[in-house]
Amino acid sequence: MKKIIEFSPGIESIFGVLDENLRLLESRLRIQITLQSEGIGLAGDAGGIARAEEIFSDYDRLRREGFSFPNGDLHSLLQLVLDDPQVRLHALAVSGRQRSFGKKIVQPKSLNQRRYLEAIARNDMVFGIGPAGTGKTYLAVAMGLSALLNKEVSRIILARPAVEAGERLGFLPGTLQEKVDPYLRPLYDALYDLLEAEKVDRLLERNTIEIAPIAFMRGRTLSEAFVILDEAQNTTQEQMKMFLTRLGFGSKAVITGDITQIDLPSGRASGLLQAMDVLAHVEGISTVFFDERDVIRHHLVQQIIRAYEDYSEHGGPAAPRQLPLLGPDAPPDLPDDAAAPTVS
């Protein structure tokens, strides 16, 4: 089947760098796309052509509505659209604009990231489990800011175990806040990346956004709050149960962690692993798993994560061979079939 789509002004911006987006559409939809004098030529399976026509139409509509897609965002959106036949490019882009904070528009860049955002929107408690760089914390903070700015909650509470200091923070210089701040820095980084610095400082001063170690949660009831527990794999079982039971009316909780990077002292079981088992069938709680395909950092990070997973699956390296320690006069061990040395 062949079809020609009218070439509207500005539609060429969908092509991407070196036509990378056209190549993506061709490979995933199994069609051929050519530029002709009368428009864009499509050839191939009828279903693929219909889907491509739908994508071009949605993009033209978005462009006329003033949307722009910097830094490869369009390529990521197209991958999401092609991963799910039920997803429309226009609807996906519009939902991202609803999470705009003036400084950034937060768009999912993988299928699991989209599932994660949808799970947070639908459920009061969500676990995000996966390796570093998959956007677990960043997207949770973005959803928290969206809920705060839309007045769905009255505050955001970001918690993290200070396990790197072994909870013995007294040995560090400064006030208690100065002692724990280095371990909470990733949460500050996400906030300042999403909002203007002045606005973040103002929200922090008013305690509308609170960042604290998980130990500070004990005895509290967190109502009308968006609560995020980061690095949850480093909570003890007691800490995790304590945190999960802090949730009050009108609140949401997002718990993120990487179960391959547990830094607890030997003999202490991870509260995240236990919670995943205990709460697996509780209604209203959702769990989203990420893998190396969701990593949004340097392309080498994906390969590093995959290499470590393969390394673990195959049991690591072979045990090093222990050589015998010989005295100065001890003869070396020889194979049974080796010729004995002659003495002259």
C-alpha atoms as a PDB file:
ATOM      1  CA  MET A   1       0.000   0.000   0.000  1.00  0.00           C
ATOM      2  CA  LYS A   2       1.119   3.564  -0.746  1.00  0.00           C
ATOM      3  CA  LYS A   3      -0.081   6.937   0.466  1.00  0.00           C
ATOM      4  CA  ILE A   4       1.052  10.553   0.318  1.00  0.00           C
ATOM      5  CA  ILE A   5       0.564  12.925   3.274  1.00  0.00           C
ATOM      6  CA  GLU A   6       0.299  16.631   2.547  1.00  0.00           C
ATOM      7  CA  PHE A   7       3.530  18.412   3.486  1.00  0.00           C
ATOM      8  CA  SER A   8       2.442  21.195   5.874  1.00  0.00           C
ATOM      9  CA  PRO A   9       4.971  23.957   6.734  1.00  0.00           C
ATOM     10  CA  GLY A  10       7.107  23.089   9.788  1.00  0.00           C
ATOM     11  CA  ILE A  11       6.345  19.364   9.716  1.00  0.00           C
ATOM     12  CA  GLU A  12       9.989  18.686   8.809  1.00  0.00           C
ATOM     13  CA  SER A  13      10.972  19.299  12.465  1.00  0.00           C
ATOM     14  CA  ILE A  14       9.628  15.823  13.234  1.00  0.00           C
ATOM     15  CA  PHE A  15      12.401  14.269  11.122  1.00  0.00           C
ATOM     16  CA  GLY A  16      15.028  14.661  13.860  1.00  0.00           C
ATOM     17  CA  VAL A  17      18.796  14.890  13.655  1.00  0.00           C
ATOM     18  CA  LEU A  18      19.972  13.110  10.488  1.00  0.00           C
ATOM     19  CA  ASP A  19      16.365  11.906  10.053  1.00  0.00           C
ATOM     20  CA  GLU A  20      16.675   9.685  13.142  1.00  0.00           C
ATOM     21  CA  ASN A  21      12.941   9.917  13.877  1.00  0.00           C
ATOM     22  CA  LEU A  22      12.030   8.875  10.343  1.00  0.00           C
ATOM     23  CA  ARG A  23      14.351   5.887  10.634  1.00  0.00           C
ATOM     24  CA  LEU A  24      12.662   4.979  13.937  1.00  0.00           C
ATOM     25  CA  LEU A  25       9.193   5.115  12.368  1.00  0.00           C
ATOM     26  CA  GLU A  26      10.348   3.047   9.401  1.00  0.00           C
ATOM     27  CA  SER A  27      11.913   0.311  11.498  1.00  0.00           C
ATOM     28  CA  ARG A  28       9.134   0.037  14.066  1.00  0.00           C
ATOM     29  CA  LEU A  29       6.163   0.356  11.669  1.00  0.00           C
ATOM     30  CA  ARG A  30       7.849  -1.580   8.829  1.00  0.00           C
ATOM     31  CA  ILE A  31       7.168   1.109   6.254  1.00  0.00           C
ATOM     32  CA  GLN A  32       9.204   3.296   3.920  1.00  0.00           C
ATOM     33  CA  ILE A  33       9.078   7.078   4.198  1.00  0.00           C
ATOM     34  CA  THR A  34      10.187   9.264   1.296  1.00  0.00           C
ATOM     35  CA  LEU A  35      10.078  12.997   0.677  1.00  0.00           C
ATOM     36  CA  GLN A  36       8.312  13.824  -2.557  1.00  0.00           C
ATOM     37  CA  SER A  37       7.412  17.058  -4.288  1.00  0.00           C
ATOM     38  CA  GLU A  38       3.743  16.684  -3.375  1.00  0.00           C
ATOM     39  CA  GLY A  39       4.261  15.567   0.230  1.00  0.00           C
ATOM     40  CA  ILE A  40       5.528  12.719   2.420  1.00  0.00           C
ATOM     41  CA  GLY A  41       5.290   9.325   0.765  1.00  0.00           C
ATOM     42  CA  LEU A  42       4.411   6.265   2.835  1.00  0.00           C
ATOM     43  CA  ALA A  43       4.700   2.707   1.549  1.00  0.00           C
ATOM     44  CA  GLY A  44       4.182  -0.590   3.348  1.00  0.00           C
ATOM     45  CA  ASP A  45       1.640  -2.379   5.508  1.00  0.00           C
ATOM     46  CA  ALA A  46      -1.759  -0.675   5.777  1.00  0.00           C
ATOM     47  CA  GLY A  47      -1.671  -0.744   9.583  1.00  0.00           C
ATOM     48  CA  GLY A  48       1.789   0.808   9.711  1.00  0.00           C
ATOM     49  CA  ILE A  49       0.817   3.533   7.263  1.00  0.00           C
ATOM     50  CA  ALA A  50      -2.319   4.363   9.266  1.00  0.00           C
ATOM     51  CA  ARG A  51      -0.265   4.608  12.468  1.00  0.00           C
ATOM     52  CA  ALA A  52       2.353   6.818  10.795  1.00  0.00           C
ATOM     53  CA  GLU A  53      -0.353   9.082   9.371  1.00  0.00           C
ATOM     54  CA  GLU A  54      -1.832   9.391  12.864  1.00  0.00           C
ATOM     55  CA  ILE A  55       1.574  10.329  14.330  1.00  0.00           C
ATOM     56  CA  PHE A  56       2.246  12.968  11.632  1.00  0.00           C
ATOM     57  CA  SER A  57      -1.232  14.418  12.165  1.00  0.00           C
ATOM     58  CA  ASP A  58      -0.766  14.579  15.949  1.00  0.00           C
ATOM     59  CA  TYR A  59       2.629  16.227  15.564  1.00  0.00           C
ATOM     60  CA  ASP A  60       1.253  18.846  13.173  1.00  0.00           C
ATOM     61  CA  ARG A  61      -1.518  19.618  15.661  1.00  0.00           C
ATOM     62  CA  LEU A  62       0.963  19.908  18.540  1.00  0.00           C
ATOM     63  CA  ARG A  63       3.199  22.205  16.508  1.00  0.00           C
ATOM     64  CA  ARG A  64       0.260  24.502  15.725  1.00  0.00           C
ATOM     65  CA  GLU A  65      -0.633  24.543  19.441  1.00  0.00           C
ATOM     66  CA  GLY A  66       2.849  25.864  20.244  1.00  0.00           C
ATOM     67  CA  PHE A  67       4.588  22.705  21.479  1.00  0.00           C
ATOM     68  CA  SER A  68       8.342  22.300  21.048  1.00  0.00           C
ATOM     69  CA  PHE A  69      10.474  19.273  21.907  1.00  0.00           C
ATOM     70  CA  PRO A  70      14.109  19.992  22.854  1.00  0.00           C
ATOM     71  CA  ASN A  71      16.967  17.643  23.781  1.00  0.00           C
ATOM     72  CA  GLY A  72      15.685  14.536  22.050  1.00  0.00           C
ATOM     73  CA  ASP A  73      12.348  14.584  23.895  1.00  0.00           C
ATOM     74  CA  LEU A  74      10.458  13.965  20.668  1.00  0.00           C
ATOM     75  CA  HIS A  75      12.478  10.814  19.950  1.00  0.00           C
ATOM     76  CA  SER A  76      11.628   9.492  23.435  1.00  0.00           C
ATOM     77  CA  LEU A  77       7.940  10.304  22.969  1.00  0.00           C
ATOM     78  CA  LEU A  78       7.861   8.551  19.613  1.00  0.00           C
ATOM     79  CA  GLN A  79       9.375   5.440  21.206  1.00  0.00           C
ATOM     80  CA  LEU A  80       6.616   5.483  23.831  1.00  0.00           C
ATOM     81  CA  VAL A  81       3.935   5.880  21.180  1.00  0.00           C
ATOM     82  CA  LEU A  82       5.376   3.023  19.145  1.00  0.00           C
ATOM     83  CA  ASP A  83       5.621   0.794  22.240  1.00  0.00           C
ATOM     84  CA  ASP A  84       1.883   1.073  22.921  1.00  0.00           C
ATOM     85  CA  PRO A  85      -0.669   1.120  20.069  1.00  0.00           C
ATOM     86  CA  GLN A  86      -3.236   2.707  22.385  1.00  0.00           C
ATOM     87  CA  VAL A  87      -1.124   5.803  23.075  1.00  0.00           C
ATOM     88  CA  ARG A  88      -1.529   8.949  20.969  1.00  0.00           C
ATOM     89  CA  LEU A  89       1.343  11.407  20.579  1.00  0.00           C
ATOM     90  CA  HIS A  90      -0.921  14.404  21.188  1.00  0.00           C
ATOM     91  CA  ALA A  91      -2.375  13.029  24.426  1.00  0.00           C
ATOM     92  CA  LEU A  92       1.075  12.077  25.703  1.00  0.00           C
ATOM     93  CA  ALA A  93       2.514  15.537  25.039  1.00  0.00           C
ATOM     94  CA  VAL A  94      -0.480  17.321  26.572  1.00  0.00           C
ATOM     95  CA  SER A  95      -0.235  15.232  29.750  1.00  0.00           C
ATOM     96  CA  GLY A  96       3.413  16.287  30.003  1.00  0.00           C
ATOM     97  CA  ARG A  97       2.503  19.969  29.715  1.00  0.00           C
ATOM     98  CA  GLN A  98       0.214  19.525  32.721  1.00  0.00           C
ATOM     99  CA  ARG A  99       3.380  18.719  34.698  1.00  0.00           C
ATOM    100  CA  SER A 100       5.066  21.949  33.614  1.00  0.00           C
ATOM    101  CA  PHE A 101       6.598  24.016  36.399  1.00  0.00           C
ATOM    102  CA  GLY A 102       7.682  26.987  34.323  1.00  0.00           C
ATOM    103  CA  LYS A 103      11.282  25.809  34.246  1.00  0.00           C
ATOM    104  CA  LYS A 104      10.719  22.320  32.836  1.00  0.00           C
ATOM    105  CA  ILE A 105       8.105  20.078  31.280  1.00  0.00           C
ATOM    106  CA  VAL A 106       8.414  16.578  32.696  1.00  0.00           C
ATOM    107  CA  GLN A 107       7.895  13.925  30.052  1.00  0.00           C
ATOM    108  CA  PRO A 108       8.394  10.184  30.527  1.00  0.00           C
ATOM    109  CA  LYS A 109      11.249   8.907  28.387  1.00  0.00           C
ATOM    110  CA  SER A 110      10.473   5.200  28.555  1.00  0.00           C
ATOM    111  CA  LEU A 111       7.466   2.910  28.840  1.00  0.00           C
ATOM    112  CA  ASN A 112       8.209   2.114  32.497  1.00  0.00           C
ATOM    113  CA  GLN A 113       8.558   5.804  33.310  1.00  0.00           C
ATOM    114  CA  ARG A 114       5.097   6.385  31.833  1.00  0.00           C
ATOM    115  CA  ARG A 115       3.692   3.499  33.892  1.00  0.00           C
ATOM    116  CA  TYR A 116       5.375   4.978  36.967  1.00  0.00           C
ATOM    117  CA  LEU A 117       3.791   8.416  36.481  1.00  0.00           C
ATOM    118  CA  GLU A 118       0.386   6.858  35.829  1.00  0.00           C
ATOM    119  CA  ALA A 119       0.715   4.651  38.924  1.00  0.00           C
ATOM    120  CA  ILE A 120       1.530   7.684  41.094  1.00  0.00           C
ATOM    121  CA  ALA A 121      -1.491   9.531  39.692  1.00  0.00           C
ATOM    122  CA  ARG A 122      -3.827   6.582  40.375  1.00  0.00           C
ATOM    123  CA  ASN A 123      -2.554   5.164  43.681  1.00  0.00           C
ATOM    124  CA  ASP A 124      -1.897   6.532  47.153  1.00  0.00           C
ATOM    125  CA  MET A 125       1.258   4.434  47.579  1.00  0.00           C
ATOM    126  CA  VAL A 126       3.743   3.453  44.874  1.00  0.00           C
ATOM    127  CA  PHE A 127       7.037   1.565  44.990  1.00  0.00           C
ATOM    128  CA  GLY A 128       9.548   2.427  42.260  1.00  0.00           C
ATOM    129  CA  ILE A 129      12.250  -0.262  42.087  1.00  0.00           C
ATOM    130  CA  GLY A 130      15.212  -0.197  39.740  1.00  0.00           C
ATOM    131  CA  PRO A 131      18.827   0.758  39.078  1.00  0.00           C
ATOM    132  CA  ALA A 132      20.391   4.201  39.286  1.00  0.00           C
ATOM    133  CA  GLY A 133      19.609   6.720  36.582  1.00  0.00           C
ATOM    134  CA  THR A 134      16.104   5.503  35.736  1.00  0.00           C
ATOM    135  CA  GLY A 135      14.398   8.652  37.043  1.00  0.00           C
ATOM    136  CA  LYS A 136      12.719   7.087  40.077  1.00  0.00           C
ATOM    137  CA  THR A 137      13.470   9.970  42.456  1.00  0.00           C
ATOM    138  CA  TYR A 138      13.368  12.764  39.890  1.00  0.00           C
ATOM    139  CA  LEU A 139       9.924  11.808  38.571  1.00  0.00           C
ATOM    140  CA  ALA A 140       8.576  11.318  42.102  1.00  0.00           C
ATOM    141  CA  VAL A 141       9.748  14.819  43.064  1.00  0.00           C
ATOM    142  CA  ALA A 142       8.202  16.180  39.850  1.00  0.00           C
ATOM    143  CA  MET A 143       4.849  14.572  40.655  1.00  0.00           C
ATOM    144  CA  GLY A 144       5.072  15.919  44.197  1.00  0.00           C
ATOM    145  CA  LEU A 145       5.680  19.460  42.935  1.00  0.00           C
ATOM    146  CA  SER A 146       2.806  19.079  40.482  1.00  0.00           C
ATOM    147  CA  ALA A 147       0.476  18.013  43.304  1.00  0.00           C
ATOM    148  CA  LEU A 148       1.675  20.912  45.489  1.00  0.00           C
ATOM    149  CA  LEU A 149       1.330  23.598  42.816  1.00  0.00           C
ATOM    150  CA  ASN A 150      -2.115  22.257  41.851  1.00  0.00           C
ATOM    151  CA  LYS A 151      -3.109  22.417  45.546  1.00  0.00           C
ATOM    152  CA  GLU A 152      -3.762  18.679  45.730  1.00  0.00           C
ATOM    153  CA  VAL A 153      -1.514  18.538  48.820  1.00  0.00           C
ATOM    154  CA  SER A 154      -0.336  21.211  51.230  1.00  0.00           C
ATOM    155  CA  ARG A 155       3.303  20.092  51.578  1.00  0.00           C
ATOM    156  CA  ILE A 156       6.016  17.778  50.307  1.00  0.00           C
ATOM    157  CA  ILE A 157       8.115  15.644  52.639  1.00  0.00           C
ATOM    158  CA  LEU A 158      11.283  14.056  51.281  1.00  0.00           C
ATOM    159  CA  ALA A 159      12.978  11.450  53.456  1.00  0.00           C
ATOM    160  CA  ARG A 160      16.146   9.416  53.066  1.00  0.00           C
ATOM    161  CA  PRO A 161      18.087   7.087  55.382  1.00  0.00           C
ATOM    162  CA  ALA A 162      21.489   8.525  56.331  1.00  0.00           C
ATOM    163  CA  VAL A 163      22.984   5.062  56.148  1.00  0.00           C
ATOM    164  CA  GLU A 164      26.298   6.247  54.693  1.00  0.00           C
ATOM    165  CA  ALA A 165      27.093   7.749  58.075  1.00  0.00           C
ATOM    166  CA  GLY A 166      25.942   4.628  59.856  1.00  0.00           C
ATOM    167  CA  GLU A 167      23.353   6.839  61.617  1.00  0.00           C
ATOM    168  CA  ARG A 168      26.206   8.014  63.876  1.00  0.00           C
ATOM    169  CA  LEU A 169      25.969  11.612  62.785  1.00  0.00           C
ATOM    170  CA  GLY A 170      27.496  13.039  65.942  1.00  0.00           C
ATOM    171  CA  PHE A 171      30.998  12.520  64.596  1.00  0.00           C
ATOM    172  CA  LEU A 172      30.395  15.007  61.779  1.00  0.00           C
ATOM    173  CA  PRO A 173      30.960  18.752  62.320  1.00  0.00           C
ATOM    174  CA  GLY A 174      28.123  21.293  62.335  1.00  0.00           C
ATOM    175  CA  THR A 175      24.482  21.362  63.377  1.00  0.00           C
ATOM    176  CA  LEU A 176      22.231  18.343  62.926  1.00  0.00           C
ATOM    177  CA  GLN A 177      20.882  19.750  59.638  1.00  0.00           C
ATOM    178  CA  GLU A 178      24.426  20.363  58.387  1.00  0.00           C
ATOM    179  CA  LYS A 179      25.366  16.804  59.329  1.00  0.00           C
ATOM    180  CA  VAL A 180      22.576  15.176  57.310  1.00  0.00           C
ATOM    181  CA  ASP A 181      22.404  17.582  54.350  1.00  0.00           C
ATOM    182  CA  PRO A 182      25.141  15.828  52.311  1.00  0.00           C
ATOM    183  CA  TYR A 183      23.112  12.597  52.358  1.00  0.00           C
ATOM    184  CA  LEU A 184      19.970  14.446  51.224  1.00  0.00           C
ATOM    185  CA  ARG A 185      21.693  16.369  48.414  1.00  0.00           C
ATOM    186  CA  PRO A 186      20.142  14.314  45.537  1.00  0.00           C
ATOM    187  CA  LEU A 187      16.700  15.469  46.691  1.00  0.00           C
ATOM    188  CA  TYR A 188      17.811  19.115  46.711  1.00  0.00           C
ATOM    189  CA  ASP A 189      19.292  18.637  43.227  1.00  0.00           C
ATOM    190  CA  ALA A 190      15.961  17.434  41.829  1.00  0.00           C
ATOM    191  CA  LEU A 191      14.071  20.345  43.375  1.00  0.00           C
ATOM    192  CA  TYR A 192      16.443  23.000  42.042  1.00  0.00           C
ATOM    193  CA  ASP A 193      16.414  21.395  38.605  1.00  0.00           C
ATOM    194  CA  LEU A 194      12.612  21.526  38.407  1.00  0.00           C
ATOM    195  CA  LEU A 195      11.904  24.913  40.035  1.00  0.00           C
ATOM    196  CA  GLU A 196      13.574  28.305  40.150  1.00  0.00           C
ATOM    197  CA  ALA A 197      16.046  28.542  43.030  1.00  0.00           C
ATOM    198  CA  GLU A 198      14.185  31.446  44.681  1.00  0.00           C
ATOM    199  CA  LYS A 199      10.924  29.513  44.710  1.00  0.00           C
ATOM    200  CA  VAL A 200      12.595  26.403  46.159  1.00  0.00           C
ATOM    201  CA  ASP A 201      14.284  28.463  48.894  1.00  0.00           C
ATOM    202  CA  ARG A 202      10.980  30.086  49.796  1.00  0.00           C
ATOM    203  CA  LEU A 203       9.174  26.734  50.026  1.00  0.00           C
ATOM    204  CA  LEU A 204      11.976  25.303  52.158  1.00  0.00           C
ATOM    205  CA  GLU A 205      11.951  28.300  54.505  1.00  0.00           C
ATOM    206  CA  ARG A 206       8.211  27.905  55.039  1.00  0.00           C
ATOM    207  CA  ASN A 207       8.590  24.143  55.566  1.00  0.00           C
ATOM    208  CA  THR A 208       6.172  23.625  52.693  1.00  0.00           C
ATOM    209  CA  ILE A 209       8.912  21.348  51.422  1.00  0.00           C
ATOM    210  CA  GLU A 210      10.677  19.419  54.161  1.00  0.00           C
ATOM    211  CA  ILE A 211      13.769  17.279  53.631  1.00  0.00           C
ATOM    212  CA  ALA A 212      14.859  15.102  56.521  1.00  0.00           C
ATOM    213  CA  PRO A 213      16.353  11.716  57.473  1.00  0.00           C
ATOM    214  CA  ILE A 214      13.815   8.958  57.962  1.00  0.00           C
ATOM    215  CA  ALA A 215      14.535   8.933  61.710  1.00  0.00           C
ATOM    216  CA  PHE A 216      12.689  12.287  61.911  1.00  0.00           C
ATOM    217  CA  MET A 217       9.442  10.613  60.803  1.00  0.00           C
ATOM    218  CA  ARG A 218       8.880   8.691  64.031  1.00  0.00           C
ATOM    219  CA  GLY A 219       5.752   9.687  65.944  1.00  0.00           C
ATOM    220  CA  ARG A 220       4.345  11.894  63.173  1.00  0.00           C
ATOM    221  CA  THR A 221       1.136  11.685  61.142  1.00  0.00           C
ATOM    222  CA  LEU A 222       1.667  13.058  57.634  1.00  0.00           C
ATOM    223  CA  SER A 223      -1.683  14.370  56.373  1.00  0.00           C
ATOM    224  CA  GLU A 224      -2.327  16.207  53.077  1.00  0.00           C
ATOM    225  CA  ALA A 225       1.284  15.571  52.116  1.00  0.00           C
ATOM    226  CA  PHE A 226       3.186  14.086  49.211  1.00  0.00           C
ATOM    227  CA  VAL A 227       5.778  11.910  50.928  1.00  0.00           C
ATOM    228  CA  ILE A 228       8.807  10.457  49.156  1.00  0.00           C
ATOM    229  CA  LEU A 229      11.181   7.931  50.684  1.00  0.00           C
ATOM    230  CA  ASP A 230      14.348   7.724  48.615  1.00  0.00           C
ATOM    231  CA  GLU A 231      17.051   5.026  48.820  1.00  0.00           C
ATOM    232  CA  ALA A 232      14.541   2.838  50.632  1.00  0.00           C
ATOM    233  CA  GLN A 233      16.714  -0.264  50.199  1.00  0.00           C
ATOM    234  CA  ASN A 234      18.836   1.128  53.033  1.00  0.00           C
ATOM    235  CA  THR A 235      16.007   1.237  55.567  1.00  0.00           C
ATOM    236  CA  THR A 236      15.783  -1.454  58.214  1.00  0.00           C
ATOM    237  CA  GLN A 237      12.595  -3.462  58.533  1.00  0.00           C
ATOM    238  CA  GLU A 238      11.636  -1.426  61.613  1.00  0.00           C
ATOM    239  CA  GLN A 239      12.241   1.876  59.826  1.00  0.00           C
ATOM    240  CA  MET A 240      10.203   0.841  56.803  1.00  0.00           C
ATOM    241  CA  LYS A 241       7.205  -0.228  58.877  1.00  0.00           C
ATOM    242  CA  MET A 242       7.450   3.008  60.845  1.00  0.00           C
ATOM    243  CA  PHE A 243       7.509   5.079  57.638  1.00  0.00           C
ATOM    244  CA  LEU A 244       4.636   3.262  55.936  1.00  0.00           C
ATOM    245  CA  THR A 245       2.367   3.804  58.941  1.00  0.00           C
ATOM    246  CA  ARG A 246       2.939   7.593  59.014  1.00  0.00           C
ATOM    247  CA  LEU A 247       0.535   8.216  56.100  1.00  0.00           C
ATOM    248  CA  GLY A 248      -2.463  10.364  57.015  1.00  0.00           C
ATOM    249  CA  PHE A 249      -5.628  11.472  55.208  1.00  0.00           C
ATOM    250  CA  GLY A 250      -5.200  13.096  51.794  1.00  0.00           C
ATOM    251  CA  SER A 251      -1.593  11.941  51.419  1.00  0.00           C
ATOM    252  CA  LYS A 252       0.400  10.032  48.854  1.00  0.00           C
ATOM    253  CA  ALA A 253       3.639   8.106  49.389  1.00  0.00           C
ATOM    254  CA  VAL A 254       6.263   7.122  46.831  1.00  0.00           C
ATOM    255  CA  ILE A 255       9.027   4.738  47.917  1.00  0.00           C
ATOM    256  CA  THR A 256      12.048   4.386  45.644  1.00  0.00           C
ATOM    257  CA  GLY A 257      15.029   2.061  45.866  1.00  0.00           C
ATOM    258  CA  ASP A 258      17.599  -0.093  44.125  1.00  0.00           C
ATOM    259  CA  ILE A 259      17.626  -3.571  45.644  1.00  0.00           C
ATOM    260  CA  THR A 260      21.030  -4.287  44.073  1.00  0.00           C
ATOM    261  CA  GLN A 261      22.718  -1.551  46.131  1.00  0.00           C
ATOM    262  CA  ILE A 262      21.917  -2.320  49.758  1.00  0.00           C
ATOM    263  CA  ASP A 263      24.463  -0.645  52.049  1.00  0.00           C
ATOM    264  CA  LEU A 264      23.120  -1.803  55.417  1.00  0.00           C
ATOM    265  CA  PRO A 265      25.580  -3.321  57.892  1.00  0.00           C
ATOM    266  CA  SER A 266      25.989  -7.060  57.750  1.00  0.00           C
ATOM    267  CA  GLY A 267      23.155  -8.855  59.504  1.00  0.00           C
ATOM    268  CA  ARG A 268      20.550  -6.094  58.933  1.00  0.00           C
ATOM    269  CA  ALA A 269      17.786  -7.040  56.493  1.00  0.00           C
ATOM    270  CA  SER A 270      16.429  -4.447  54.067  1.00  0.00           C
ATOM    271  CA  GLY A 271      13.007  -3.085  54.925  1.00  0.00           C
ATOM    272  CA  LEU A 272      12.291  -2.518  51.234  1.00  0.00           C
ATOM    273  CA  LEU A 273      12.654  -6.213  50.372  1.00  0.00           C
ATOM    274  CA  GLN A 274      10.333  -7.185  53.210  1.00  0.00           C
ATOM    275  CA  ALA A 275       7.753  -4.518  52.300  1.00  0.00           C
ATOM    276  CA  MET A 276       7.653  -5.681  48.685  1.00  0.00           C
ATOM    277  CA  ASP A 277       6.726  -9.177  49.877  1.00  0.00           C
ATOM    278  CA  VAL A 278       4.318  -8.156  52.631  1.00  0.00           C
ATOM    279  CA  LEU A 279       2.389  -5.580  50.571  1.00  0.00           C
ATOM    280  CA  ALA A 280       2.422  -7.363  47.197  1.00  0.00           C
ATOM    281  CA  HIS A 281      -1.347  -7.986  47.205  1.00  0.00           C
ATOM    282  CA  VAL A 282      -2.601  -4.944  49.132  1.00  0.00           C
ATOM    283  CA  GLU A 283      -5.150  -2.997  47.071  1.00  0.00           C
ATOM    284  CA  GLY A 284      -4.204   0.631  46.433  1.00  0.00           C
ATOM    285  CA  ILE A 285      -0.458  -0.058  46.425  1.00  0.00           C
ATOM    286  CA  SER A 286       1.358  -0.297  43.093  1.00  0.00           C
ATOM    287  CA  THR A 287       4.905  -1.402  42.278  1.00  0.00           C
ATOM    288  CA  VAL A 288       6.747  -0.383  39.106  1.00  0.00           C
ATOM    289  CA  PHE A 289      10.016  -2.050  38.140  1.00  0.00           C
ATOM    290  CA  PHE A 290      12.690  -0.343  36.049  1.00  0.00           C
ATOM    291  CA  ASP A 291      15.636  -1.895  34.211  1.00  0.00           C
ATOM    292  CA  GLU A 292      18.684  -0.741  32.261  1.00  0.00           C
ATOM    293  CA  ARG A 293      16.518   0.272  29.279  1.00  0.00           C
ATOM    294  CA  ASP A 294      15.057   3.076  31.405  1.00  0.00           C
ATOM    295  CA  VAL A 295      18.428   4.638  32.275  1.00  0.00           C
ATOM    296  CA  ILE A 296      18.503   8.285  31.155  1.00  0.00           C
ATOM    297  CA  ARG A 297      22.127   9.012  32.004  1.00  0.00           C
ATOM    298  CA  HIS A 298      25.240   8.615  29.847  1.00  0.00           C
ATOM    299  CA  HIS A 299      24.824   5.731  27.394  1.00  0.00           C
ATOM    300  CA  LEU A 300      27.635   3.846  29.160  1.00  0.00           C
ATOM    301  CA  VAL A 301      25.533   3.625  32.335  1.00  0.00           C
ATOM    302  CA  GLN A 302      23.124   1.220  30.614  1.00  0.00           C
ATOM    303  CA  GLN A 303      26.017  -0.983  29.569  1.00  0.00           C
ATOM    304  CA  ILE A 304      27.560  -0.854  33.052  1.00  0.00           C
ATOM    305  CA  ILE A 305      24.298  -1.928  34.692  1.00  0.00           C
ATOM    306  CA  ARG A 306      23.880  -4.779  32.210  1.00  0.00           C
ATOM    307  CA  ALA A 307      27.494  -5.889  32.738  1.00  0.00           C
ATOM    308  CA  TYR A 308      27.004  -6.030  36.526  1.00  0.00           C
ATOM    309  CA  GLU A 309      23.742  -7.976  36.128  1.00  0.00           C
ATOM    310  CA  ASP A 310      25.449 -10.509  33.859  1.00  0.00           C
ATOM    311  CA  TYR A 311      28.350 -10.710  36.313  1.00  0.00           C
ATOM    312  CA  SER A 312      25.964 -11.486  39.200  1.00  0.00           C
ATOM    313  CA  GLU A 313      23.956 -14.026  37.195  1.00  0.00           C
ATOM    314  CA  HIS A 314      27.074 -16.017  36.394  1.00  0.00           C
ATOM    315  CA  GLY A 315      28.287 -16.055  39.971  1.00  0.00           C
ATOM    316  CA  GLY A 316      31.181 -13.627  39.569  1.00  0.00           C
ATOM    317  CA  PRO A 317      34.738 -14.578  38.725  1.00  0.00           C
ATOM    318  CA  ALA A 318      36.308 -17.931  39.397  1.00  0.00           C
ATOM    319  CA  ALA A 319      37.936 -18.232  42.785  1.00  0.00           C
ATOM    320  CA  PRO A 320      41.608 -17.220  42.642  1.00  0.00           C
ATOM    321  CA  ARG A 321      44.017 -20.175  42.637  1.00  0.00           C
ATOM    322  CA  GLN A 322      45.991 -20.352  45.867  1.00  0.00           C
ATOM    323  CA  LEU A 323      49.654 -21.191  45.224  1.00  0.00           C
ATOM    324  CA  PRO A 324      51.524 -23.201  47.890  1.00  0.00           C
ATOM    325  CA  LEU A 325      54.041 -21.367  49.972  1.00  0.00           C
ATOM    326  CA  LEU A 326      57.437 -23.037  49.599  1.00  0.00           C
ATOM    327  CA  GLY A 327      60.399 -22.888  51.896  1.00  0.00           C
ATOM    328  CA  PRO A 328      63.811 -22.023  50.451  1.00  0.00           C
ATOM    329  CA  ASP A 329      64.833 -25.705  50.242  1.00  0.00           C
ATOM    330  CA  ALA A 330      61.471 -27.256  49.354  1.00  0.00           C
ATOM    331  CA  PRO A 331      61.334 -28.827  45.893  1.00  0.00           C
ATOM    332  CA  PRO A 332      58.542 -27.626  43.597  1.00  0.00           C
ATOM    333  CA  ASP A 333      55.523 -29.887  43.101  1.00  0.00           C
ATOM    334  CA  LEU A 334      55.730 -31.714  39.789  1.00  0.00           C
ATOM    335  CA  PRO A 335      52.997 -33.527  37.866  1.00  0.00           C
ATOM    336  CA  ASP A 336      53.000 -37.315  38.251  1.00  0.00           C
ATOM    337  CA  ASP A 337      54.161 -37.844  34.678  1.00  0.00           C
ATOM    338  CA  ALA A 338      56.943 -35.272  34.831  1.00  0.00           C
ATOM    339  CA  ALA A 339      60.497 -36.520  34.563  1.00  0.00           C
ATOM    340  CA  ALA A 340      62.469 -36.405  37.793  1.00  0.00           C
ATOM    341  CA  PRO A 341      65.417 -34.034  37.749  1.00  0.00           C
ATOM    342  CA  THR A 342      68.771 -35.717  37.286  1.00  0.00           C
ATOM    343  CA  VAL A 343      71.615 -35.184  39.689  1.00  0.00           C
ATOM    344  CA  SER A 344      75.102 -35.080  38.234  1.00  0.00           C
END
